[in-house]
Amino acid sequence: MELLDQARAHVDSGAFFAELARLVAYPTVSDAPEGRAAIQAYLDEVLTPALTGLDCEVTQHANPDPAGGPFLVGVRTEGTDLPTLLCYGHADVVGEAGPWREGLDPWTLTADGDHWYGRGTADNKGQHLINLTALRLLLEARGTLGFNLKFLFETGEEIGSPGLTEFAEQEQDLLKADVLIASDGPRLDAATPTLFLGARGGIRIDLDVDLRPGGSHSGNWGGILRNPATTLTAAIASLVDGHGRIQVPALLPPELPESVREALADVVVDAADEGWGDPRMSPAERLYGWNTLEVLALDAGNADRPVNAIPGRARAVLQLRYVAGTDVGDVTATVREHLAAQGFPMIEVTTEASFRASRTPVDDPWVAWARQALDAVVEKPVALLPSFGGGLPNHVFTDVLGLATLWLPHSYPGCRQHAPDEHLLVPVAREGLVLATALFGAIGSAPPTLRR
């Protein structure tokens, strides 16, 4: 336990705060030109020294997609007979979504009790710093890791990971490993250590009812002109009802696997609204094992200053969050055909996909190994989530590289990632460093039968 005590002490001593403060100071916003310069500096001045400090051979690679930034890979080889771990993190952060509260600056790490505020503290600098620190502590204590290490950093996760799939396809030998262990997203809650195995995918669905230029007087034309807003709301209700239940079977997975149901049996989601979603499923099953169709935006007329006119156009943006096993081969055609059958052929449908859904099977041997390693160092149960609720490029590792994927998040749902006042919670960071150190420390003794 001495090594784990060192991990706790590293957070409590202020050393981890000082390191994180340096990382936060780089404004690595991937969708801004000035952010691209900061990203390059972050790779050169922060991540490359961190990886060379682990005796990794570090290489930087151009992105095959011009929309994305470079990739950084560190490789440490200790023996051909040892297991190989692939780690992942992303260097970029989101731009500002609004003002931070007084006394806080996104690029200055600020402590307020157990909250450490700054952009990237939770997503993803604080999380990959925890993993880099755990690896460093392990190496310092043992003089060896006991396994081969590969660490991949991308620089465009916040803009959809352009080029990551192509890079993985081109560099399969460079990235070849036995298992992925990475950290992103939140835990189930602040008090519950969590392991998740994949991520839901996302598809944006745009609906546009553009019937005529401008508005038409509601008294003179009401009852004889089709109202695009009325049409649109009825169309949406035919896709997802007023209680959040998807009405189109083709937008659902074929089943909730029994292994997923069993994994989520003891997972409690406290924030669920009563009467929302499929009543046949628990909140945890709906959030981590099923699909949802959410209305993100509606636009017709001017609700702040309404006039007595039938709008000429109405638009909506929906999002399908879907789990692995869902057939999303042609969502555009599925939605268009459904709406036409409901009497709404006048609605234009366009879609845009983001991350694809993927997950490692719950019964994969690496999952049992990881749970055992984590259970050995915590006194409370570790929550196992088959899928993370948000989006991650997990499919690159499962589908392209053929790896089991174990995500150990070091944040919590209230971290305000992507929003003003993003923060890392100190107790979560402390426990996260302990868990990461323990998990990495167990890899060298993983049974040979786990090798890919």
Protein backbone atom coordinates (compact mmCIF):
# COMPACT_ATOMS: atom_id res chain seq x y z
CA MET A 1 0.00 0.00 0.00
CA GLU A 2 3.01 2.30 0.24
CA LEU A 3 2.74 3.19 -3.45
CA LEU A 4 -0.95 4.04 -3.08
CA ASP A 5 -0.16 6.21 -0.07
CA GLN A 6 2.34 8.06 -2.26
CA ALA A 7 -0.44 8.63 -4.79
CA ARG A 8 -2.70 10.18 -2.16
CA ALA A 9 0.14 12.29 -0.81
CA HIS A 10 0.97 13.56 -4.28
CA VAL A 11 -2.47 15.19 -4.50
CA ASP A 12 -2.54 16.41 -0.89
CA SER A 13 0.95 17.92 -1.05
CA GLY A 14 0.01 20.43 -3.74
CA ALA A 15 2.35 18.86 -6.31
CA PHE A 16 -0.49 17.68 -8.53
CA PHE A 17 -2.19 21.11 -8.36
CA ALA A 18 1.02 22.81 -9.50
CA GLU A 19 1.38 20.43 -12.45
CA LEU A 20 -2.25 20.83 -13.47
CA ALA A 21 -2.00 24.63 -13.26
CA ARG A 22 0.70 24.53 -15.92
CA LEU A 23 -1.46 22.40 -18.21
CA VAL A 24 -4.57 24.56 -17.81
CA ALA A 25 -2.61 27.67 -18.80
CA TYR A 26 -2.40 26.47 -22.42
CA PRO A 27 -5.60 27.64 -24.23
CA THR A 28 -5.76 24.56 -26.46
CA VAL A 29 -9.09 25.27 -28.17
CA SER A 30 -9.20 23.07 -31.26
CA ASP A 31 -11.74 25.09 -33.25
CA ALA A 32 -9.80 28.37 -33.13
CA PRO A 33 -6.62 29.31 -35.06
CA GLU A 34 -4.89 30.63 -31.96
CA GLY A 35 -5.83 27.42 -30.19
CA ARG A 36 -3.96 25.38 -32.78
CA ALA A 37 -0.74 27.21 -31.85
CA ALA A 38 -1.39 26.51 -28.18
CA ILE A 39 -2.02 22.85 -28.97
CA GLN A 40 1.34 22.54 -30.71
CA ALA A 41 3.07 24.17 -27.75
CA TYR A 42 1.20 21.83 -25.38
CA LEU A 43 2.44 18.80 -27.32
CA ASP A 44 6.02 20.09 -27.45
CA GLU A 45 6.36 21.58 -23.98
CA VAL A 46 4.11 19.40 -21.82
CA LEU A 47 3.20 16.03 -23.28
CA THR A 48 6.45 15.17 -25.05
CA PRO A 49 8.54 15.76 -21.88
CA ALA A 50 5.99 13.79 -19.84
CA LEU A 51 6.31 10.82 -22.18
CA THR A 52 10.10 11.01 -22.49
CA GLY A 53 10.13 11.10 -18.68
CA LEU A 54 8.60 7.64 -18.86
CA ASP A 55 11.44 6.60 -21.19
CA CYS A 56 9.08 6.52 -24.15
CA GLU A 57 10.16 6.99 -27.72
CA VAL A 58 7.96 9.88 -28.83
CA THR A 59 6.80 10.57 -32.37
CA GLN A 60 4.46 13.20 -33.77
CA HIS A 61 2.29 12.37 -36.76
CA ALA A 62 0.43 14.51 -39.25
CA ASN A 63 -3.31 14.07 -39.38
CA PRO A 64 -4.61 12.43 -42.59
CA ASP A 65 -7.62 14.75 -42.29
CA PRO A 66 -6.74 18.43 -42.80
CA ALA A 67 -9.57 19.38 -40.44
CA GLY A 68 -7.72 17.82 -37.52
CA GLY A 69 -4.49 18.44 -35.68
CA PRO A 70 -1.45 16.17 -35.15
CA PHE A 71 -1.21 13.00 -33.13
CA LEU A 72 1.43 12.28 -30.49
CA VAL A 73 2.49 8.73 -29.68
CA GLY A 74 4.82 7.55 -26.95
CA VAL A 75 6.10 3.95 -26.88
CA ARG A 76 8.01 2.21 -24.09
CA THR A 77 8.98 -1.42 -24.73
CA GLU A 78 10.11 -3.58 -21.82
CA GLY A 79 9.79 -7.05 -23.32
CA THR A 80 8.10 -8.96 -26.11
CA ASP A 81 6.72 -11.45 -23.59
CA LEU A 82 4.91 -8.74 -21.60
CA PRO A 83 1.39 -7.38 -22.09
CA THR A 84 1.04 -4.09 -23.95
CA LEU A 85 -1.15 -1.27 -22.64
CA LEU A 86 -2.50 1.48 -24.87
CA CYS A 87 -3.53 4.71 -23.13
CA TYR A 88 -5.38 7.61 -24.74
CA GLY A 89 -6.06 11.26 -24.00
CA HIS A 90 -6.94 14.42 -25.88
CA ALA A 91 -5.02 17.67 -25.67
CA ASP A 92 -7.77 19.99 -26.88
CA VAL A 93 -10.52 21.74 -24.95
CA VAL A 94 -13.75 23.51 -25.92
CA GLY A 95 -14.04 27.22 -26.43
CA GLU A 96 -15.88 29.45 -24.00
CA ALA A 97 -19.64 28.99 -23.72
CA GLY A 98 -20.25 32.02 -21.50
CA PRO A 99 -18.75 34.06 -18.67
CA TRP A 100 -17.21 32.35 -15.66
CA ARG A 101 -18.20 33.52 -12.21
CA GLU A 102 -16.32 36.38 -10.63
CA GLY A 103 -12.80 35.48 -9.55
CA LEU A 104 -12.40 32.63 -12.03
CA ASP A 105 -10.48 32.55 -15.28
CA PRO A 106 -10.63 29.53 -17.61
CA TRP A 107 -6.85 29.53 -18.16
CA THR A 108 -5.86 29.94 -14.51
CA LEU A 109 -6.26 27.02 -12.12
CA THR A 110 -8.10 28.31 -9.06
CA ALA A 111 -8.74 26.39 -5.85
CA ASP A 112 -11.96 26.92 -3.91
CA GLY A 113 -12.23 24.28 -1.24
CA ASP A 114 -12.41 20.88 -2.94
CA HIS A 115 -13.07 22.46 -6.35
CA TRP A 116 -10.21 23.21 -8.73
CA TYR A 117 -11.54 25.49 -11.47
CA GLY A 118 -10.10 25.83 -14.96
CA ARG A 119 -10.79 24.82 -18.55
CA GLY A 120 -9.65 21.25 -19.12
CA THR A 121 -9.46 20.29 -15.45
CA ALA A 122 -12.13 17.64 -16.03
CA ASP A 123 -12.02 17.34 -19.82
CA ASN A 124 -9.36 16.11 -20.39
CA LYS A 125 -6.13 17.53 -18.98
CA GLY A 126 -6.82 16.65 -15.38
CA GLN A 127 -7.75 13.13 -16.39
CA HIS A 128 -4.75 12.37 -18.58
CA LEU A 129 -2.46 14.02 -16.03
CA ILE A 130 -3.74 11.57 -13.41
CA ASN A 131 -2.85 8.65 -15.68
CA LEU A 132 0.56 10.05 -16.60
CA THR A 133 1.26 10.65 -12.90
CA ALA A 134 0.19 7.13 -11.96
CA LEU A 135 2.55 5.68 -14.56
CA ARG A 136 5.38 7.90 -13.32
CA LEU A 137 4.83 6.91 -9.67
CA LEU A 138 4.76 3.26 -10.64
CA LEU A 139 7.99 3.56 -12.63
CA GLU A 140 9.75 5.48 -9.86
CA ALA A 141 8.73 2.92 -7.24
CA ARG A 142 9.56 -0.21 -9.23
CA GLY A 143 12.17 0.91 -11.72
CA THR A 144 10.06 -0.83 -14.34
CA LEU A 145 6.41 -0.83 -15.33
CA GLY A 146 6.16 -4.58 -15.85
CA PHE A 147 4.43 -4.10 -19.20
CA ASN A 148 4.88 -2.34 -22.53
CA LEU A 149 3.28 1.09 -22.79
CA LYS A 150 1.84 3.03 -25.71
CA PHE A 151 0.21 6.41 -25.16
CA LEU A 152 -1.80 8.12 -27.90
CA PHE A 153 -2.79 11.78 -27.70
CA GLU A 154 -5.10 13.36 -30.23
CA THR A 155 -5.76 17.07 -30.64
CA GLY A 156 -9.30 17.25 -32.06
CA GLU A 157 -11.62 15.22 -29.84
CA GLU A 158 -13.76 18.26 -29.13
CA ILE A 159 -14.42 18.73 -32.86
CA GLY A 160 -15.29 15.09 -33.51
CA SER A 161 -11.83 13.46 -33.70
CA PRO A 162 -11.24 14.13 -37.41
CA GLY A 163 -8.68 11.73 -38.86
CA LEU A 164 -8.43 9.49 -35.80
CA THR A 165 -10.08 6.51 -37.48
CA GLU A 166 -7.88 6.86 -40.57
CA PHE A 167 -4.75 7.28 -38.45
CA ALA A 168 -5.54 4.12 -36.48
CA GLU A 169 -6.15 2.21 -39.72
CA GLN A 170 -2.81 3.38 -41.12
CA GLU A 171 -0.83 2.81 -37.91
CA GLN A 172 -2.20 -0.47 -36.61
CA ASP A 173 1.28 -1.85 -35.93
CA LEU A 174 2.32 1.28 -34.04
CA LEU A 175 -0.84 1.16 -31.90
CA LYS A 176 -1.06 -2.61 -31.50
CA ALA A 177 -1.79 -3.53 -27.89
CA ASP A 178 -3.66 -5.96 -25.66
CA VAL A 179 -6.00 -3.53 -23.92
CA LEU A 180 -6.94 0.15 -23.82
CA ILE A 181 -7.18 1.92 -20.49
CA ALA A 182 -8.21 5.56 -20.77
CA SER A 183 -9.99 8.25 -18.80
CA ASP A 184 -12.66 10.69 -19.95
CA GLY A 185 -16.20 11.60 -19.05
CA PRO A 186 -17.73 11.45 -15.56
CA ARG A 187 -18.19 8.72 -13.01
CA LEU A 188 -21.67 7.56 -12.09
CA ASP A 189 -21.48 10.11 -9.25
CA ALA A 190 -18.77 11.77 -7.19
CA ALA A 191 -18.71 9.02 -4.54
CA THR A 192 -18.72 5.98 -6.84
CA PRO A 193 -15.60 4.62 -8.60
CA THR A 194 -16.73 3.73 -12.10
CA LEU A 195 -15.58 1.64 -15.02
CA PHE A 196 -17.32 1.97 -18.37
CA LEU A 197 -16.76 -0.12 -21.49
CA GLY A 198 -17.85 2.01 -24.41
CA ALA A 199 -19.96 4.93 -25.51
CA ARG A 200 -23.24 5.70 -27.14
CA GLY A 201 -23.11 7.12 -30.63
CA GLY A 202 -24.77 10.32 -31.78
CA ILE A 203 -26.65 11.35 -34.91
CA ARG A 204 -28.00 14.86 -35.40
CA ILE A 205 -31.34 14.99 -37.25
CA ASP A 206 -32.41 18.31 -38.80
CA LEU A 207 -36.07 18.77 -39.72
CA ASP A 208 -37.05 21.71 -41.94
CA VAL A 209 -40.61 22.67 -42.93
CA ASP A 210 -40.09 25.56 -45.35
CA LEU A 211 -43.51 26.23 -46.94
CA ARG A 212 -43.57 29.88 -47.98
CA PRO A 213 -41.61 33.13 -47.64
CA GLY A 214 -42.63 35.20 -44.64
CA GLY A 215 -45.70 34.94 -42.42
CA SER A 216 -49.39 34.99 -43.33
CA HIS A 217 -52.08 36.73 -41.23
CA SER A 218 -53.54 34.14 -38.86
CA GLY A 219 -57.04 35.54 -39.13
CA ASN A 220 -57.19 35.83 -42.91
CA TRP A 221 -55.37 32.59 -43.63
CA GLY A 222 -55.86 30.43 -40.54
CA GLY A 223 -57.58 27.15 -41.38
CA ILE A 224 -56.64 27.10 -45.06
CA LEU A 225 -52.83 27.38 -44.97
CA ARG A 226 -50.73 24.61 -43.53
CA ASN A 227 -48.92 25.82 -40.43
CA PRO A 228 -45.30 24.62 -40.53
CA ALA A 229 -44.93 24.90 -36.75
CA THR A 230 -48.00 22.75 -36.12
CA THR A 231 -46.80 20.30 -38.76
CA LEU A 232 -43.36 20.12 -37.24
CA THR A 233 -44.49 19.55 -33.66
CA ALA A 234 -46.87 16.79 -34.78
CA ALA A 235 -44.07 15.20 -36.79
CA ILE A 236 -41.74 15.25 -33.80
CA ALA A 237 -44.44 13.67 -31.63
CA SER A 238 -44.67 10.84 -34.14
CA LEU A 239 -40.93 10.21 -33.67
CA VAL A 240 -40.74 10.60 -29.88
CA ASP A 241 -43.78 11.07 -27.67
CA GLY A 242 -44.32 13.62 -24.93
CA HIS A 243 -42.84 11.24 -22.35
CA GLY A 244 -39.54 10.66 -24.14
CA ARG A 245 -40.40 7.30 -25.67
CA ILE A 246 -39.13 6.64 -29.21
CA GLN A 247 -42.04 5.72 -31.48
CA VAL A 248 -40.07 4.36 -34.45
CA PRO A 249 -38.83 0.78 -33.88
CA ALA A 250 -36.11 1.22 -36.52
CA LEU A 251 -34.46 3.85 -34.29
CA LEU A 252 -34.11 1.39 -31.41
CA PRO A 253 -31.65 -1.44 -30.72
CA PRO A 254 -33.07 -4.93 -31.19
CA GLU A 255 -32.86 -5.75 -27.48
CA LEU A 256 -31.34 -4.95 -24.12
CA PRO A 257 -28.79 -7.76 -23.69
CA GLU A 258 -29.13 -9.72 -20.48
CA SER A 259 -25.47 -9.11 -19.68
CA VAL A 260 -26.11 -5.35 -19.84
CA ARG A 261 -29.21 -5.67 -17.68
CA GLU A 262 -27.27 -7.65 -15.07
CA ALA A 263 -24.40 -5.16 -15.05
CA LEU A 264 -26.82 -2.28 -14.42
CA ALA A 265 -28.99 -4.07 -11.87
CA ASP A 266 -27.40 -2.29 -8.89
CA VAL A 267 -26.67 1.04 -10.59
CA VAL A 268 -28.78 3.84 -9.17
CA VAL A 269 -29.42 7.05 -11.12
CA ASP A 270 -30.87 9.57 -8.68
CA ALA A 271 -31.66 12.45 -11.03
CA ALA A 272 -34.27 10.74 -13.23
CA ASP A 273 -37.58 12.54 -13.78
CA GLU A 274 -40.64 10.51 -12.81
CA GLY A 275 -42.63 9.25 -15.81
CA TRP A 276 -39.94 10.04 -18.40
CA GLY A 277 -38.70 7.34 -20.76
CA ASP A 278 -39.63 3.70 -21.25
CA PRO A 279 -41.28 2.55 -17.99
CA ARG A 280 -40.19 -1.03 -18.62
CA MET A 281 -36.58 -0.05 -17.95
CA SER A 282 -34.75 1.39 -15.00
CA PRO A 283 -33.21 4.85 -15.31
CA ALA A 284 -29.76 3.23 -15.51
CA GLU A 285 -30.87 0.97 -18.35
CA ARG A 286 -32.33 3.91 -20.25
CA LEU A 287 -29.21 6.02 -19.76
CA TYR A 288 -26.45 3.45 -20.28
CA GLY A 289 -28.07 0.66 -22.29
CA TRP A 290 -30.75 2.15 -24.56
CA ASN A 291 -31.42 4.82 -27.19
CA THR A 292 -32.89 8.27 -26.70
CA LEU A 293 -34.19 10.83 -29.18
CA GLU A 294 -33.87 14.35 -27.82
CA VAL A 295 -35.17 17.65 -29.21
CA LEU A 296 -32.24 20.08 -28.98
CA ALA A 297 -33.77 23.14 -30.66
CA LEU A 298 -37.07 24.43 -32.10
CA ASP A 299 -37.52 27.51 -34.24
CA ALA A 300 -40.71 29.09 -35.65
CA GLY A 301 -41.83 32.68 -35.48
CA ASN A 302 -40.59 34.77 -32.54
CA ALA A 303 -41.69 33.59 -29.11
CA ASP A 304 -40.33 36.73 -27.47
CA ARG A 305 -42.35 39.02 -29.75
CA PRO A 306 -45.13 36.97 -31.34
CA VAL A 307 -47.34 38.44 -34.05
CA ASN A 308 -50.67 37.31 -35.45
CA ALA A 309 -49.15 35.44 -38.35
CA ILE A 310 -48.74 31.85 -39.42
CA PRO A 311 -44.97 31.37 -39.80
CA GLY A 312 -43.72 30.38 -43.22
CA ARG A 313 -41.02 28.10 -41.89
CA ALA A 314 -40.30 25.90 -38.86
CA ARG A 315 -37.15 24.02 -38.01
CA ALA A 316 -35.99 21.58 -35.35
CA VAL A 317 -32.75 19.86 -34.41
CA LEU A 318 -33.00 16.43 -32.82
CA GLN A 319 -30.31 14.05 -31.66
CA LEU A 320 -30.40 10.27 -31.58
CA ARG A 321 -28.12 8.90 -28.88
CA TYR A 322 -27.75 5.20 -29.65
CA VAL A 323 -26.02 2.13 -28.23
CA ALA A 324 -24.01 -0.56 -29.97
CA GLY A 325 -26.20 -2.98 -31.88
CA THR A 326 -28.48 -0.30 -33.35
CA ASP A 327 -28.73 -0.33 -37.14
CA VAL A 328 -28.04 3.26 -38.18
CA GLY A 329 -27.12 2.47 -41.76
CA ASP A 330 -29.53 5.05 -43.20
CA VAL A 331 -31.23 7.08 -40.51
CA THR A 332 -32.08 9.78 -43.04
CA ALA A 333 -34.18 7.39 -45.11
CA THR A 334 -35.72 5.84 -41.99
CA VAL A 335 -36.93 9.18 -40.66
CA ARG A 336 -38.00 10.50 -44.07
CA GLU A 337 -40.04 7.37 -44.86
CA HIS A 338 -41.65 7.39 -41.42
CA LEU A 339 -42.68 11.04 -41.72
CA ALA A 340 -44.07 10.51 -45.23
CA ALA A 341 -46.14 7.59 -43.94
CA GLN A 342 -47.49 9.88 -41.19
CA GLY A 343 -48.56 12.46 -43.79
CA PHE A 344 -45.55 14.77 -43.57
CA PRO A 345 -43.70 14.39 -46.89
CA MET A 346 -43.13 18.16 -46.96
CA ILE A 347 -40.52 17.94 -44.16
CA GLU A 348 -36.91 17.98 -45.36
CA VAL A 349 -34.70 15.60 -43.36
CA THR A 350 -30.91 15.79 -43.11
CA THR A 351 -28.60 14.01 -40.72
CA GLU A 352 -25.05 14.29 -39.50
CA ALA A 353 -23.27 11.57 -37.52
CA SER A 354 -20.68 12.12 -34.83
CA PHE A 355 -19.05 9.31 -32.84
CA ARG A 356 -20.19 5.78 -33.57
CA ALA A 357 -21.56 3.60 -30.78
CA SER A 358 -19.35 0.81 -29.50
CA ARG A 359 -18.71 -1.17 -26.35
CA THR A 360 -16.57 -4.00 -25.08
CA PRO A 361 -18.72 -6.99 -24.06
CA VAL A 362 -19.46 -7.09 -20.34
CA ASP A 363 -18.19 -10.67 -20.20
CA ASP A 364 -14.80 -9.87 -21.79
CA PRO A 365 -12.02 -11.32 -19.55
CA TRP A 366 -10.30 -7.93 -19.29
CA VAL A 367 -13.43 -6.56 -17.60
CA ALA A 368 -13.37 -9.18 -14.85
CA TRP A 369 -9.64 -8.58 -14.40
CA ALA A 370 -10.09 -4.82 -14.04
CA ARG A 371 -12.95 -5.13 -11.57
CA GLN A 372 -10.89 -7.46 -9.42
CA ALA A 373 -7.90 -5.07 -9.47
CA LEU A 374 -10.06 -2.08 -8.53
CA ASP A 375 -12.12 -3.91 -5.90
CA ALA A 376 -8.87 -4.78 -4.11
CA VAL A 377 -8.11 -1.12 -3.30
CA VAL A 378 -11.53 0.43 -2.59
CA GLU A 379 -14.00 -0.35 0.15
CA LYS A 380 -17.07 0.46 -1.95
CA PRO A 381 -18.43 -1.28 -5.05
CA VAL A 382 -17.13 -0.16 -8.43
CA ALA A 383 -19.98 0.70 -10.79
CA LEU A 384 -19.73 -1.06 -14.16
CA LEU A 385 -21.44 0.82 -17.00
CA PRO A 386 -21.64 -0.98 -20.36
CA SER A 387 -21.80 2.37 -22.17
CA PHE A 388 -20.95 5.93 -21.25
CA GLY A 389 -23.91 8.23 -21.83
CA GLY A 390 -21.95 10.73 -23.93
CA GLY A 391 -19.81 10.38 -27.04
CA LEU A 392 -16.22 9.19 -27.30
CA PRO A 393 -14.14 7.73 -30.16
CA ASN A 394 -14.23 4.31 -28.51
CA HIS A 395 -15.08 2.61 -31.82
CA VAL A 396 -11.56 3.40 -33.06
CA PHE A 397 -10.16 1.11 -30.39
CA THR A 398 -12.78 -1.65 -30.49
CA ASP A 399 -13.57 -1.77 -34.21
CA VAL A 400 -10.31 -0.68 -35.84
CA LEU A 401 -7.69 -1.90 -33.36
CA GLY A 402 -9.69 -4.82 -31.95
CA LEU A 403 -9.05 -3.96 -28.30
CA ALA A 404 -10.94 -4.43 -25.09
CA THR A 405 -11.63 -0.91 -23.80
CA LEU A 406 -11.65 0.02 -20.11
CA TRP A 407 -12.51 3.63 -19.28
CA LEU A 408 -11.73 4.75 -15.73
CA PRO A 409 -13.16 8.30 -15.40
CA HIS A 410 -11.63 10.77 -12.95
CA SER A 411 -14.46 13.31 -12.97
CA TYR A 412 -18.11 13.48 -11.90
CA PRO A 413 -21.42 14.62 -13.46
CA GLY A 414 -21.35 18.06 -11.83
CA CYS A 415 -17.93 19.03 -13.21
CA ARG A 416 -19.44 21.48 -15.75
CA GLN A 417 -17.29 20.27 -18.62
CA HIS A 418 -17.95 22.31 -21.81
CA ALA A 419 -19.54 25.03 -19.65
CA PRO A 420 -18.36 27.96 -17.56
CA ASP A 421 -16.81 27.06 -14.19
CA GLU A 422 -15.47 23.66 -15.24
CA HIS A 423 -13.70 22.03 -12.30
CA LEU A 424 -11.98 18.95 -10.97
CA LEU A 425 -13.21 17.66 -7.62
CA VAL A 426 -10.25 17.01 -5.32
CA PRO A 427 -11.58 13.82 -3.63
CA VAL A 428 -12.29 12.33 -7.05
CA ALA A 429 -8.81 13.25 -8.29
CA ARG A 430 -7.19 11.75 -5.19
CA GLU A 431 -9.13 8.50 -5.46
CA GLY A 432 -8.65 8.48 -9.22
CA LEU A 433 -4.87 8.59 -8.86
CA VAL A 434 -5.03 5.70 -6.39
CA LEU A 435 -7.24 3.65 -8.71
CA ALA A 436 -5.13 4.36 -11.80
CA THR A 437 -1.92 3.48 -9.95
CA ALA A 438 -3.44 0.23 -8.72
CA LEU A 439 -4.86 -0.72 -12.11
CA PHE A 440 -1.62 0.00 -13.98
CA GLY A 441 0.32 -1.80 -11.29
CA ALA A 442 -1.71 -4.97 -11.86
CA ILE A 443 -1.17 -5.16 -15.62
CA GLY A 444 2.19 -6.90 -15.42
CA SER A 445 0.59 -9.82 -13.59
CA ALA A 446 -2.36 -10.12 -15.95
CA PRO A 447 -2.77 -13.72 -17.17
CA PRO A 448 -1.32 -14.46 -20.62
CA THR A 449 -4.78 -15.68 -21.66
CA LEU A 450 -5.89 -12.04 -21.79
CA ARG A 451 -3.52 -11.16 -24.61
CA ARG A 452 -5.05 -10.07 -27.91
